Amino acid sequence: MRTSRLEAFSDGVLAIIITIMVLELREPVRTDLASLWHTTGPGLLSYLLSFVYVGIYWTNHHHMFQLTARVTGGILWANLALLFFLSLFPFTTQWMETTRYARTPVVVYGVNLLLAALAYYVLQTVIIAAQGRDSPLRKAIGTDIKGKISPVFYIAGALAALLGGGGHGAARPGIWIAVACYVGAALMWVIPDRRIERSVETTDPVGLGAGPEAGPEADSLGDASHYG
């Protein structure tokens, strides 16, 4: 089975997730900047963080499937699991914003990030297993240091919010630490990582399992000129 339908479906779901999040931003009650910040400011910051995370998953998902020539049933279900946890972002983001970063919503947001990261890891593992011993994806990701560090940030943030996020207002060190962990993990992934892009540029369609019978798809898999 080709990857085109899976990629198109995933792109559509991620676009809807972003749309839902922006529609949940509240309009200011007045026309001055103070009202804009008081009504929309915290929500806009939450939206920005979640938007960055969705963008990170979209770019990595795109690159990963440039090294995936065929889709199995296991890959389909693993991809659906990833999309499920990503689809919870609008809910956890909105809950965190409307409660002004209360302890439980911030913890749940961190758990959401952790589950999405684990789902992505499972998808990656299933693809590697399907590709077999000489998996081009395995060679491309290497030791995957960032993938192993990210869950530590999410767990640390959730624990910080849980243990030190009680009370009200700005005097909640656990919340600040949690948000810093979530932002830090996002910044780590925003830094360009060209491991897979370099692998795509040096891998031919035959190496991806696309033989002569693959037809036009083999040409599209071998053309890396459209990458940014």
N, C-alpha and C. Protein backbone atom coordinates (compact mmCIF):
# COMPACT_ATOMS: atom_id res chain seq x y z
N MET A 1 0.84 -1.20 0.00
CA MET A 1 0.00 0.00 0.00
C MET A 1 0.88 1.25 0.00
N ARG A 2 0.55 2.19 -0.84
CA ARG A 2 1.35 3.41 -0.92
C ARG A 2 1.09 4.33 0.27
N THR A 3 1.97 5.30 0.45
CA THR A 3 1.86 6.20 1.61
C THR A 3 1.02 7.44 1.33
N SER A 4 0.64 7.67 0.08
CA SER A 4 0.01 8.95 -0.27
C SER A 4 -1.29 9.20 0.49
N ARG A 5 -2.15 8.18 0.62
CA ARG A 5 -3.43 8.37 1.30
C ARG A 5 -3.21 8.63 2.79
N LEU A 6 -2.28 7.90 3.40
CA LEU A 6 -1.99 8.11 4.81
C LEU A 6 -1.48 9.53 5.05
N GLU A 7 -0.57 9.99 4.19
CA GLU A 7 -0.02 11.34 4.36
C GLU A 7 -1.09 12.40 4.16
N ALA A 8 -1.95 12.22 3.16
CA ALA A 8 -3.00 13.20 2.90
C ALA A 8 -3.99 13.26 4.07
N PHE A 9 -4.36 12.10 4.59
CA PHE A 9 -5.27 12.05 5.73
C PHE A 9 -4.64 12.73 6.95
N SER A 10 -3.38 12.43 7.21
CA SER A 10 -2.68 13.02 8.35
C SER A 10 -2.57 14.53 8.21
N ASP A 11 -2.24 15.00 7.02
CA ASP A 11 -2.16 16.44 6.78
C ASP A 11 -3.50 17.12 7.07
N GLY A 12 -4.58 16.48 6.63
CA GLY A 12 -5.90 17.05 6.86
C GLY A 12 -6.26 17.13 8.34
N VAL A 13 -5.95 16.06 9.08
CA VAL A 13 -6.24 16.06 10.51
C VAL A 13 -5.44 17.13 11.23
N LEU A 14 -4.17 17.27 10.91
CA LEU A 14 -3.33 18.27 11.56
C LEU A 14 -3.81 19.68 11.23
N ALA A 15 -4.25 19.90 10.00
CA ALA A 15 -4.78 21.22 9.63
C ALA A 15 -6.05 21.53 10.43
N ILE A 16 -6.89 20.55 10.62
CA ILE A 16 -8.11 20.75 11.41
C ILE A 16 -7.78 21.05 12.87
N ILE A 17 -6.78 20.36 13.40
CA ILE A 17 -6.36 20.60 14.79
C ILE A 17 -5.94 22.06 14.98
N ILE A 18 -5.15 22.57 14.06
CA ILE A 18 -4.70 23.96 14.15
C ILE A 18 -5.88 24.92 14.03
N THR A 19 -6.79 24.61 13.12
CA THR A 19 -7.96 25.46 12.92
C THR A 19 -8.82 25.52 14.18
N ILE A 20 -9.05 24.37 14.80
CA ILE A 20 -9.85 24.33 16.02
C ILE A 20 -9.20 25.17 17.12
N MET A 21 -7.89 25.06 17.25
CA MET A 21 -7.21 25.80 18.30
C MET A 21 -7.34 27.31 18.12
N VAL A 22 -7.20 27.79 16.89
CA VAL A 22 -7.27 29.24 16.68
C VAL A 22 -8.70 29.74 16.84
N LEU A 23 -9.68 28.91 16.53
CA LEU A 23 -11.07 29.32 16.70
C LEU A 23 -11.47 29.43 18.17
N GLU A 24 -10.71 28.78 19.04
CA GLU A 24 -11.02 28.83 20.46
C GLU A 24 -10.44 30.07 21.16
N LEU A 25 -9.67 30.88 20.44
CA LEU A 25 -9.17 32.12 21.02
C LEU A 25 -10.34 33.08 21.24
N ARG A 26 -10.35 33.71 22.40
CA ARG A 26 -11.45 34.62 22.74
C ARG A 26 -11.18 36.03 22.22
N GLU A 27 -12.23 36.68 21.74
CA GLU A 27 -12.10 38.05 21.25
C GLU A 27 -12.07 39.02 22.44
N PRO A 28 -11.29 40.12 22.33
CA PRO A 28 -11.28 41.12 23.40
C PRO A 28 -12.65 41.76 23.57
N VAL A 29 -12.97 42.13 24.80
CA VAL A 29 -14.27 42.76 25.05
C VAL A 29 -14.24 44.24 24.67
N ARG A 30 -13.03 44.82 24.63
CA ARG A 30 -12.89 46.22 24.22
C ARG A 30 -11.90 46.30 23.05
N THR A 31 -11.62 47.52 22.63
CA THR A 31 -10.76 47.70 21.46
C THR A 31 -9.35 48.14 21.80
N ASP A 32 -8.98 48.19 23.08
CA ASP A 32 -7.64 48.63 23.45
C ASP A 32 -6.72 47.42 23.65
N LEU A 33 -5.41 47.71 23.68
CA LEU A 33 -4.41 46.65 23.80
C LEU A 33 -4.47 45.95 25.15
N ALA A 34 -4.83 46.70 26.18
CA ALA A 34 -4.93 46.10 27.51
C ALA A 34 -5.99 45.00 27.53
N SER A 35 -7.11 45.27 26.87
CA SER A 35 -8.17 44.27 26.80
C SER A 35 -7.74 43.08 25.95
N LEU A 36 -7.00 43.36 24.90
CA LEU A 36 -6.48 42.27 24.06
C LEU A 36 -5.61 41.33 24.87
N TRP A 37 -4.71 41.91 25.66
CA TRP A 37 -3.81 41.08 26.45
C TRP A 37 -4.57 40.35 27.56
N HIS A 38 -5.47 41.05 28.23
CA HIS A 38 -6.19 40.44 29.35
C HIS A 38 -7.09 39.30 28.88
N THR A 39 -7.74 39.48 27.73
CA THR A 39 -8.70 38.49 27.26
C THR A 39 -8.05 37.40 26.41
N THR A 40 -7.14 37.79 25.53
CA THR A 40 -6.61 36.87 24.53
C THR A 40 -5.16 36.48 24.78
N GLY A 41 -4.42 37.29 25.51
CA GLY A 41 -2.98 37.08 25.68
C GLY A 41 -2.59 35.68 26.12
N PRO A 42 -3.08 35.21 27.28
CA PRO A 42 -2.69 33.86 27.73
C PRO A 42 -3.09 32.77 26.73
N GLY A 43 -4.27 32.94 26.14
CA GLY A 43 -4.71 31.95 25.15
C GLY A 43 -3.84 31.96 23.91
N LEU A 44 -3.39 33.15 23.51
CA LEU A 44 -2.54 33.25 22.33
C LEU A 44 -1.20 32.58 22.56
N LEU A 45 -0.66 32.75 23.78
CA LEU A 45 0.61 32.11 24.11
C LEU A 45 0.47 30.60 24.14
N SER A 46 -0.64 30.11 24.70
CA SER A 46 -0.89 28.67 24.73
C SER A 46 -1.04 28.13 23.31
N TYR A 47 -1.79 28.89 22.50
CA TYR A 47 -1.99 28.49 21.10
C TYR A 47 -0.66 28.44 20.36
N LEU A 48 0.20 29.42 20.59
CA LEU A 48 1.50 29.46 19.92
C LEU A 48 2.32 28.23 20.26
N LEU A 49 2.33 27.86 21.55
CA LEU A 49 3.10 26.69 21.96
C LEU A 49 2.57 25.43 21.30
N SER A 50 1.25 25.25 21.33
CA SER A 50 0.67 24.05 20.72
C SER A 50 0.82 24.06 19.20
N PHE A 51 0.72 25.25 18.60
CA PHE A 51 0.92 25.37 17.15
C PHE A 51 2.32 24.91 16.77
N VAL A 52 3.31 25.33 17.56
CA VAL A 52 4.69 24.92 17.29
C VAL A 52 4.82 23.40 17.40
N TYR A 53 4.19 22.82 18.41
CA TYR A 53 4.27 21.36 18.56
C TYR A 53 3.62 20.64 17.39
N VAL A 54 2.45 21.10 16.96
CA VAL A 54 1.80 20.48 15.81
C VAL A 54 2.69 20.62 14.57
N GLY A 55 3.30 21.79 14.41
CA GLY A 55 4.21 22.00 13.29
C GLY A 55 5.42 21.07 13.34
N ILE A 56 5.94 20.85 14.53
CA ILE A 56 7.08 19.93 14.70
C ILE A 56 6.69 18.52 14.28
N TYR A 57 5.53 18.07 14.75
CA TYR A 57 5.08 16.73 14.39
C TYR A 57 4.81 16.62 12.89
N TRP A 58 4.25 17.67 12.31
CA TRP A 58 3.95 17.62 10.88
C TRP A 58 5.23 17.51 10.05
N THR A 59 6.24 18.32 10.37
CA THR A 59 7.48 18.29 9.59
C THR A 59 8.20 16.96 9.77
N ASN A 60 8.26 16.45 11.00
CA ASN A 60 8.94 15.17 11.22
C ASN A 60 8.16 14.01 10.59
N HIS A 61 6.85 14.07 10.65
CA HIS A 61 6.02 13.06 10.01
C HIS A 61 6.25 13.07 8.50
N HIS A 62 6.31 14.25 7.93
CA HIS A 62 6.56 14.38 6.49
C HIS A 62 7.90 13.77 6.11
N HIS A 63 8.94 14.12 6.85
CA HIS A 63 10.26 13.61 6.53
C HIS A 63 10.34 12.10 6.73
N MET A 64 9.70 11.59 7.79
CA MET A 64 9.76 10.16 8.06
C MET A 64 9.15 9.36 6.91
N PHE A 65 8.06 9.86 6.35
CA PHE A 65 7.41 9.10 5.28
C PHE A 65 8.06 9.29 3.92
N GLN A 66 9.07 10.16 3.83
CA GLN A 66 9.88 10.21 2.62
C GLN A 66 10.81 9.00 2.56
N LEU A 67 11.01 8.35 3.70
CA LEU A 67 11.83 7.15 3.74
C LEU A 67 10.97 5.90 3.94
N THR A 68 9.68 6.03 3.68
CA THR A 68 8.76 4.90 3.83
C THR A 68 8.08 4.66 2.50
N ALA A 69 8.36 3.54 1.88
CA ALA A 69 7.83 3.27 0.54
C ALA A 69 6.47 2.59 0.58
N ARG A 70 6.21 1.79 1.63
CA ARG A 70 4.98 1.03 1.70
C ARG A 70 4.38 1.13 3.10
N VAL A 71 3.06 1.03 3.17
CA VAL A 71 2.34 1.13 4.44
C VAL A 71 1.70 -0.21 4.76
N THR A 72 1.88 -0.66 6.00
CA THR A 72 1.25 -1.89 6.46
C THR A 72 0.07 -1.55 7.38
N GLY A 73 -0.69 -2.57 7.76
CA GLY A 73 -1.79 -2.34 8.69
C GLY A 73 -1.30 -1.81 10.02
N GLY A 74 -0.16 -2.32 10.49
CA GLY A 74 0.40 -1.83 11.75
C GLY A 74 0.77 -0.36 11.68
N ILE A 75 1.32 0.07 10.56
CA ILE A 75 1.68 1.48 10.39
C ILE A 75 0.43 2.35 10.39
N LEU A 76 -0.64 1.87 9.74
CA LEU A 76 -1.89 2.64 9.72
C LEU A 76 -2.43 2.86 11.13
N TRP A 77 -2.45 1.81 11.93
CA TRP A 77 -3.00 1.94 13.29
C TRP A 77 -2.08 2.76 14.18
N ALA A 78 -0.77 2.61 14.02
CA ALA A 78 0.16 3.42 14.80
C ALA A 78 0.03 4.89 14.45
N ASN A 79 -0.21 5.17 13.16
CA ASN A 79 -0.40 6.55 12.73
C ASN A 79 -1.70 7.12 13.30
N LEU A 80 -2.75 6.31 13.34
CA LEU A 80 -4.02 6.76 13.92
C LEU A 80 -3.86 7.05 15.41
N ALA A 81 -3.06 6.25 16.10
CA ALA A 81 -2.83 6.49 17.52
C ALA A 81 -2.14 7.84 17.73
N LEU A 82 -1.16 8.14 16.87
CA LEU A 82 -0.49 9.44 16.95
C LEU A 82 -1.48 10.57 16.71
N LEU A 83 -2.31 10.44 15.69
CA LEU A 83 -3.28 11.49 15.38
C LEU A 83 -4.29 11.65 16.51
N PHE A 84 -4.64 10.56 17.18
CA PHE A 84 -5.56 10.65 18.31
C PHE A 84 -5.00 11.54 19.41
N PHE A 85 -3.77 11.30 19.80
CA PHE A 85 -3.19 12.10 20.89
C PHE A 85 -2.95 13.54 20.45
N LEU A 86 -2.61 13.75 19.19
CA LEU A 86 -2.45 15.12 18.69
C LEU A 86 -3.80 15.83 18.65
N SER A 87 -4.87 15.09 18.37
CA SER A 87 -6.19 15.72 18.30
C SER A 87 -6.69 16.18 19.66
N LEU A 88 -6.03 15.75 20.73
CA LEU A 88 -6.39 16.22 22.07
C LEU A 88 -5.77 17.58 22.39
N PHE A 89 -4.84 18.04 21.57
CA PHE A 89 -4.19 19.33 21.82
C PHE A 89 -5.17 20.49 21.97
N PRO A 90 -6.18 20.62 21.09
CA PRO A 90 -7.11 21.74 21.28
C PRO A 90 -7.79 21.73 22.65
N PHE A 91 -8.16 20.54 23.13
CA PHE A 91 -8.82 20.43 24.43
C PHE A 91 -7.87 20.79 25.57
N THR A 92 -6.69 20.17 25.60
CA THR A 92 -5.77 20.42 26.72
C THR A 92 -5.22 21.85 26.68
N THR A 93 -5.04 22.39 25.47
CA THR A 93 -4.57 23.77 25.35
C THR A 93 -5.62 24.74 25.87
N GLN A 94 -6.87 24.54 25.46
CA GLN A 94 -7.95 25.42 25.90
C GLN A 94 -8.19 25.31 27.40
N TRP A 95 -8.12 24.12 27.94
CA TRP A 95 -8.32 23.93 29.39
C TRP A 95 -7.23 24.65 30.17
N MET A 96 -6.00 24.54 29.71
CA MET A 96 -4.89 25.20 30.39
C MET A 96 -5.06 26.71 30.36
N GLU A 97 -5.55 27.23 29.22
CA GLU A 97 -5.68 28.68 29.08
C GLU A 97 -6.85 29.23 29.90
N THR A 98 -8.01 28.57 29.85
CA THR A 98 -9.19 29.09 30.54
C THR A 98 -9.05 29.03 32.05
N THR A 99 -8.21 28.15 32.54
CA THR A 99 -8.00 28.05 34.00
C THR A 99 -6.79 28.87 34.44
N ARG A 100 -6.24 29.64 33.51
CA ARG A 100 -5.04 30.45 33.81
C ARG A 100 -3.90 29.59 34.35
N TYR A 101 -3.66 28.49 33.67
CA TYR A 101 -2.54 27.60 33.99
C TYR A 101 -2.65 27.03 35.40
N ALA A 102 -3.82 26.51 35.71
CA ALA A 102 -4.00 25.82 36.98
C ALA A 102 -3.21 24.51 36.98
N ARG A 103 -3.00 23.97 38.15
CA ARG A 103 -2.11 22.81 38.28
C ARG A 103 -2.54 21.61 37.44
N THR A 104 -3.77 21.15 37.62
CA THR A 104 -4.21 19.94 36.92
C THR A 104 -4.18 20.09 35.41
N PRO A 105 -4.69 21.17 34.83
CA PRO A 105 -4.60 21.32 33.37
C PRO A 105 -3.17 21.33 32.84
N VAL A 106 -2.25 21.95 33.58
CA VAL A 106 -0.85 21.97 33.13
C VAL A 106 -0.25 20.57 33.18
N VAL A 107 -0.60 19.81 34.21
CA VAL A 107 -0.14 18.42 34.29
C VAL A 107 -0.70 17.60 33.13
N VAL A 108 -2.00 17.76 32.87
CA VAL A 108 -2.64 17.02 31.78
C VAL A 108 -2.03 17.39 30.44
N TYR A 109 -1.71 18.66 30.25
CA TYR A 109 -1.07 19.09 29.00
C TYR A 109 0.28 18.38 28.83
N GLY A 110 1.05 18.29 29.91
CA GLY A 110 2.33 17.59 29.85
C GLY A 110 2.15 16.12 29.53
N VAL A 111 1.12 15.50 30.12
CA VAL A 111 0.84 14.09 29.83
C VAL A 111 0.44 13.93 28.36
N ASN A 112 -0.31 14.88 27.84
CA ASN A 112 -0.70 14.87 26.43
C ASN A 112 0.55 14.92 25.53
N LEU A 113 1.48 15.80 25.87
CA LEU A 113 2.73 15.88 25.11
C LEU A 113 3.50 14.56 25.18
N LEU A 114 3.53 13.98 26.38
CA LEU A 114 4.25 12.71 26.56
C LEU A 114 3.63 11.59 25.74
N LEU A 115 2.31 11.48 25.77
CA LEU A 115 1.63 10.42 25.03
C LEU A 115 1.80 10.60 23.52
N ALA A 116 1.77 11.84 23.05
CA ALA A 116 2.00 12.09 21.62
C ALA A 116 3.42 11.68 21.23
N ALA A 117 4.38 11.99 22.09
CA ALA A 117 5.77 11.62 21.80
C ALA A 117 5.94 10.10 21.78
N LEU A 118 5.30 9.41 22.72
CA LEU A 118 5.38 7.95 22.75
C LEU A 118 4.70 7.34 21.52
N ALA A 119 3.57 7.93 21.11
CA ALA A 119 2.87 7.43 19.92
C ALA A 119 3.73 7.60 18.67
N TYR A 120 4.44 8.74 18.59
CA TYR A 120 5.33 8.96 17.45
C TYR A 120 6.47 7.93 17.46
N TYR A 121 6.99 7.65 18.65
CA TYR A 121 8.06 6.65 18.76
C TYR A 121 7.57 5.27 18.33
N VAL A 122 6.35 4.92 18.73
CA VAL A 122 5.77 3.63 18.33
C VAL A 122 5.62 3.57 16.81
N LEU A 123 5.12 4.65 16.20
CA LEU A 123 4.97 4.70 14.75
C LEU A 123 6.32 4.52 14.07
N GLN A 124 7.32 5.22 14.57
CA GLN A 124 8.67 5.12 14.02
C GLN A 124 9.20 3.69 14.14
N THR A 125 8.96 3.06 15.30
CA THR A 125 9.43 1.69 15.53
C THR A 125 8.72 0.70 14.61
N VAL A 126 7.42 0.87 14.41
CA VAL A 126 6.66 -0.03 13.54
C VAL A 126 7.16 0.09 12.10
N ILE A 127 7.44 1.32 11.65
CA ILE A 127 7.96 1.51 10.30
C ILE A 127 9.31 0.82 10.13
N ILE A 128 10.18 0.99 11.11
CA ILE A 128 11.50 0.37 11.05
C ILE A 128 11.38 -1.15 11.00
N ALA A 129 10.47 -1.71 11.82
CA ALA A 129 10.27 -3.15 11.83
C ALA A 129 9.74 -3.64 10.49
N ALA A 130 8.86 -2.87 9.87
CA ALA A 130 8.30 -3.26 8.58
C ALA A 130 9.35 -3.19 7.47
N GLN A 131 10.30 -2.27 7.60
CA GLN A 131 11.33 -2.12 6.57
C GLN A 131 12.39 -3.21 6.65
N GLY A 132 12.51 -3.81 7.82
CA GLY A 132 13.45 -4.91 7.94
C GLY A 132 14.84 -4.50 8.38
N ARG A 133 15.76 -5.39 8.19
CA ARG A 133 17.10 -5.25 8.73
C ARG A 133 17.84 -4.01 8.23
N ASP A 134 17.69 -3.70 6.95
CA ASP A 134 18.40 -2.57 6.35
C ASP A 134 17.51 -1.34 6.26
N SER A 135 16.75 -1.08 7.29
CA SER A 135 15.80 0.02 7.30
C SER A 135 16.50 1.36 7.06
N PRO A 136 16.11 2.08 6.00
CA PRO A 136 16.71 3.41 5.77
C PRO A 136 16.32 4.40 6.86
N LEU A 137 15.15 4.22 7.47
CA LEU A 137 14.74 5.12 8.54
C LEU A 137 15.61 4.92 9.77
N ARG A 138 15.92 3.68 10.10
CA ARG A 138 16.80 3.41 11.24
C ARG A 138 18.16 4.08 11.04
N LYS A 139 18.68 3.97 9.83
CA LYS A 139 19.99 4.58 9.55
C LYS A 139 19.91 6.10 9.63
N ALA A 140 18.76 6.66 9.22
CA ALA A 140 18.63 8.12 9.19
C ALA A 140 18.54 8.72 10.59
N ILE A 141 17.78 8.08 11.48
CA ILE A 141 17.57 8.68 12.81
C ILE A 141 18.74 8.45 13.74
N GLY A 142 19.55 7.44 13.47
CA GLY A 142 20.73 7.20 14.28
C GLY A 142 20.39 6.94 15.74
N THR A 143 21.07 7.63 16.64
CA THR A 143 20.85 7.43 18.07
C THR A 143 19.60 8.16 18.58
N ASP A 144 19.08 9.10 17.80
CA ASP A 144 17.84 9.81 18.13
C ASP A 144 17.89 10.42 19.54
N ILE A 145 18.91 11.23 19.79
CA ILE A 145 19.10 11.82 21.11
C ILE A 145 17.91 12.70 21.50
N LYS A 146 17.45 13.54 20.60
CA LYS A 146 16.34 14.44 20.92
C LYS A 146 15.07 13.66 21.23
N GLY A 147 14.85 12.57 20.50
CA GLY A 147 13.68 11.76 20.75
C GLY A 147 13.70 11.11 22.13
N LYS A 148 14.88 10.82 22.63
CA LYS A 148 15.00 10.20 23.96
C LYS A 148 14.95 11.23 25.08
N ILE A 149 15.39 12.46 24.80
CA ILE A 149 15.41 13.50 25.82
C ILE A 149 14.04 14.13 26.01
N SER A 150 13.28 14.27 24.95
CA SER A 150 11.99 14.96 25.02
C SER A 150 11.06 14.44 26.11
N PRO A 151 10.85 13.11 26.23
CA PRO A 151 9.96 12.62 27.29
C PRO A 151 10.41 13.03 28.69
N VAL A 152 11.71 13.18 28.86
CA VAL A 152 12.22 13.61 30.17
C VAL A 152 11.73 15.02 30.49
N PHE A 153 11.73 15.89 29.49
CA PHE A 153 11.22 17.25 29.67
C PHE A 153 9.74 17.23 30.04
N TYR A 154 8.95 16.40 29.35
CA TYR A 154 7.51 16.36 29.60
C TYR A 154 7.21 15.81 30.99
N ILE A 155 7.92 14.76 31.37
CA ILE A 155 7.71 14.17 32.70
C ILE A 155 8.13 15.15 33.78
N ALA A 156 9.29 15.81 33.58
CA ALA A 156 9.77 16.78 34.56
C ALA A 156 8.78 17.93 34.71
N GLY A 157 8.25 18.41 33.59
CA GLY A 157 7.29 19.50 33.64
C GLY A 157 6.01 19.11 34.35
N ALA A 158 5.48 17.93 34.03
CA ALA A 158 4.25 17.47 34.67
C ALA A 158 4.44 17.28 36.18
N LEU A 159 5.58 16.71 36.56
CA LEU A 159 5.86 16.52 37.99
C LEU A 159 6.04 17.85 38.70
N ALA A 160 6.70 18.80 38.05
CA ALA A 160 6.90 20.12 38.66
C ALA A 160 5.56 20.80 38.91
N ALA A 161 4.66 20.71 37.93
CA ALA A 161 3.34 21.32 38.10
C ALA A 161 2.55 20.61 39.18
N LEU A 162 2.67 19.29 39.23
CA LEU A 162 1.92 18.51 40.22
C LEU A 162 2.39 18.80 41.64
N LEU A 163 3.69 18.91 41.83
CA LEU A 163 4.24 19.08 43.18
C LEU A 163 4.33 20.53 43.62
N GLY A 164 4.49 21.45 42.67
CA GLY A 164 4.68 22.85 43.06
C GLY A 164 3.77 23.82 42.35
N GLY A 165 2.65 23.32 41.85
CA GLY A 165 1.77 24.19 41.08
C GLY A 165 0.51 24.62 41.80
N GLY A 166 0.45 24.39 43.11
CA GLY A 166 -0.73 24.79 43.85
C GLY A 166 -0.79 26.29 44.08
N GLY A 167 -1.94 26.78 44.48
CA GLY A 167 -2.10 28.20 44.76
C GLY A 167 -2.68 28.96 43.59
N HIS A 168 -2.54 30.28 43.65
CA HIS A 168 -3.11 31.15 42.63
C HIS A 168 -2.10 32.22 42.23
N GLY A 169 -2.32 32.80 41.06
CA GLY A 169 -1.47 33.90 40.61
C GLY A 169 -0.12 33.43 40.12
N ALA A 170 0.84 34.36 40.13
CA ALA A 170 2.17 34.08 39.57
C ALA A 170 3.09 33.35 40.53
N ALA A 171 2.75 33.30 41.82
CA ALA A 171 3.62 32.70 42.82
C ALA A 171 3.45 31.18 42.85
N ARG A 172 3.69 30.56 41.73
CA ARG A 172 3.58 29.10 41.62
C ARG A 172 4.79 28.59 40.85
N PRO A 173 5.90 28.35 41.53
CA PRO A 173 7.14 27.96 40.84
C PRO A 173 7.00 26.71 39.99
N GLY A 174 6.16 25.77 40.46
CA GLY A 174 6.01 24.54 39.70
C GLY A 174 5.43 24.76 38.32
N ILE A 175 4.50 25.73 38.21
CA ILE A 175 3.90 26.03 36.90
C ILE A 175 4.93 26.65 35.97
N TRP A 176 5.72 27.58 36.51
CA TRP A 176 6.74 28.21 35.69
C TRP A 176 7.75 27.18 35.18
N ILE A 177 8.15 26.26 36.08
CA ILE A 177 9.10 25.21 35.67
C ILE A 177 8.49 24.32 34.61
N ALA A 178 7.21 23.96 34.78
CA ALA A 178 6.53 23.10 33.81
C ALA A 178 6.48 23.76 32.45
N VAL A 179 6.07 25.01 32.40
CA VAL A 179 5.98 25.72 31.12
C VAL A 179 7.36 25.84 30.48
N ALA A 180 8.38 26.09 31.32
CA ALA A 180 9.74 26.18 30.80
C ALA A 180 10.18 24.85 30.19
N CYS A 181 9.80 23.74 30.81
CA CYS A 181 10.15 22.42 30.26
C CYS A 181 9.46 22.19 28.92
N TYR A 182 8.18 22.55 28.85
CA TYR A 182 7.44 22.35 27.60
C TYR A 182 7.99 23.22 26.48
N VAL A 183 8.31 24.47 26.82
CA VAL A 183 8.87 25.38 25.82
C VAL A 183 10.27 24.92 25.41
N GLY A 184 11.06 24.48 26.39
CA GLY A 184 12.41 24.02 26.10
C GLY A 184 12.44 22.84 25.15
N ALA A 185 11.53 21.89 25.37
CA ALA A 185 11.47 20.73 24.47
C ALA A 185 11.08 21.15 23.06
N ALA A 186 10.15 22.10 22.95
CA ALA A 186 9.74 22.59 21.64
C ALA A 186 10.90 23.28 20.93
N LEU A 187 11.63 24.12 21.66
CA LEU A 187 12.76 24.83 21.06
C LEU A 187 13.83 23.86 20.59
N MET A 188 14.00 22.77 21.32
CA MET A 188 14.99 21.77 20.94
C MET A 188 14.66 21.17 19.58
N TRP A 189 13.36 20.99 19.29
CA TRP A 189 12.95 20.40 18.02
C TRP A 189 12.84 21.43 16.91
N VAL A 190 12.65 22.71 17.28
CA VAL A 190 12.57 23.75 16.26
C VAL A 190 13.90 23.92 15.56
N ILE A 191 15.00 23.69 16.28
CA ILE A 191 16.33 23.77 15.66
C ILE A 191 16.40 22.76 14.52
N PRO A 192 16.73 23.20 13.32
CA PRO A 192 16.71 22.30 12.16
C PRO A 192 17.54 21.05 12.36
N ASP A 193 16.99 19.92 11.96
CA ASP A 193 17.66 18.62 12.03
C ASP A 193 17.55 17.98 10.65
N ARG A 194 18.67 17.92 9.94
CA ARG A 194 18.63 17.46 8.54
C ARG A 194 19.05 16.00 8.38
N ARG A 195 18.95 15.20 9.47
CA ARG A 195 19.37 13.80 9.35
C ARG A 195 18.58 13.07 8.27
N ILE A 196 17.26 13.15 8.36
CA ILE A 196 16.42 12.41 7.41
C ILE A 196 16.51 13.04 6.02
N GLU A 197 16.56 14.38 5.95
CA GLU A 197 16.68 15.03 4.65
C GLU A 197 17.94 14.59 3.94
N ARG A 198 19.04 14.52 4.68
CA ARG A 198 20.30 14.07 4.07
C ARG A 198 20.18 12.63 3.60
N SER A 199 19.48 11.81 4.39
CA SER A 199 19.32 10.41 4.02
C SER A 199 18.46 10.27 2.77
N VAL A 200 17.40 11.08 2.67
CA VAL A 200 16.55 11.05 1.48
C VAL A 200 17.34 11.43 0.24
N GLU A 201 18.19 12.43 0.39
CA GLU A 201 18.97 12.92 -0.74
C GLU A 201 19.97 11.90 -1.25
N THR A 202 20.35 10.95 -0.38
CA THR A 202 21.37 9.97 -0.78
C THR A 202 20.80 8.57 -0.95
N THR A 203 19.45 8.43 -0.80
CA THR A 203 18.82 7.12 -0.92
C THR A 203 18.02 7.06 -2.21
N ASP A 204 18.22 6.00 -3.01
CA ASP A 204 17.47 5.87 -4.26
C ASP A 204 16.19 5.08 -4.00
N PRO A 205 15.26 5.11 -4.94
CA PRO A 205 14.00 4.40 -4.76
C PRO A 205 14.17 2.91 -4.52
N VAL A 206 15.18 2.29 -5.14
CA VAL A 206 15.38 0.87 -4.94
C VAL A 206 15.71 0.58 -3.49
N GLY A 207 16.49 1.48 -2.88
CA GLY A 207 16.83 1.32 -1.48
C GLY A 207 15.64 1.42 -0.57
N LEU A 208 14.58 2.07 -1.04
CA LEU A 208 13.37 2.18 -0.23
C LEU A 208 12.40 1.05 -0.51
N GLY A 209 12.78 0.13 -1.32
CA GLY A 209 11.91 -1.01 -1.58
C GLY A 209 11.01 -0.82 -2.77
N ALA A 210 11.26 0.21 -3.59
CA ALA A 210 10.42 0.46 -4.75
C ALA A 210 11.11 -0.08 -5.99
N GLY A 211 10.69 -1.21 -6.44
CA GLY A 211 11.29 -1.83 -7.61
C GLY A 211 10.69 -1.28 -8.88
N PRO A 212 10.98 -1.92 -10.01
CA PRO A 212 10.45 -1.45 -11.29
C PRO A 212 8.94 -1.43 -11.33
N GLU A 213 8.29 -2.33 -10.52
CA GLU A 213 6.85 -2.38 -10.55
C GLU A 213 6.20 -1.19 -9.86
N ALA A 214 6.99 -0.38 -9.17
CA ALA A 214 6.42 0.74 -8.43
C ALA A 214 5.96 1.84 -9.36
N GLY A 215 6.48 1.89 -10.56
CA GLY A 215 6.01 2.86 -11.56
C GLY A 215 6.35 4.28 -11.17
N PRO A 216 5.39 5.22 -11.37
CA PRO A 216 5.63 6.64 -11.14
C PRO A 216 6.01 6.95 -9.71
N GLU A 217 5.58 6.11 -8.75
CA GLU A 217 5.89 6.42 -7.36
C GLU A 217 7.38 6.39 -7.11
N ALA A 218 8.08 5.52 -7.79
CA ALA A 218 9.52 5.44 -7.58
C ALA A 218 10.20 6.73 -7.92
N ASP A 219 9.73 7.40 -9.00
CA ASP A 219 10.31 8.68 -9.37
C ASP A 219 10.05 9.72 -8.32
N SER A 220 8.83 9.74 -7.75
CA SER A 220 8.52 10.75 -6.75
C SER A 220 9.29 10.53 -5.48
N LEU A 221 9.56 9.25 -5.12
CA LEU A 221 10.31 8.99 -3.91
C LEU A 221 11.77 9.39 -4.08
N GLY A 222 12.25 9.30 -5.29
CA GLY A 222 13.65 9.60 -5.50
C GLY A 222 13.93 11.07 -5.71
N ASP A 223 12.89 11.90 -5.84
CA ASP A 223 13.07 13.33 -6.10
C ASP A 223 13.03 14.09 -4.79
N ALA A 224 14.18 14.55 -4.32
CA ALA A 224 14.23 15.27 -3.05
C ALA A 224 14.35 16.78 -3.26
N SER A 225 14.13 17.24 -4.50
CA SER A 225 14.36 18.66 -4.79
C SER A 225 13.34 19.58 -4.15
N HIS A 226 12.21 19.03 -3.62
CA HIS A 226 11.17 19.90 -3.09
C HIS A 226 11.31 20.12 -1.61
N TYR A 227 12.36 19.61 -0.99
CA TYR A 227 12.51 19.79 0.45
C TYR A 227 13.08 21.17 0.74
N GLY A 228 12.60 21.75 1.89
CA GLY A 228 13.10 23.06 2.28
C GLY A 228 14.27 22.96 3.19
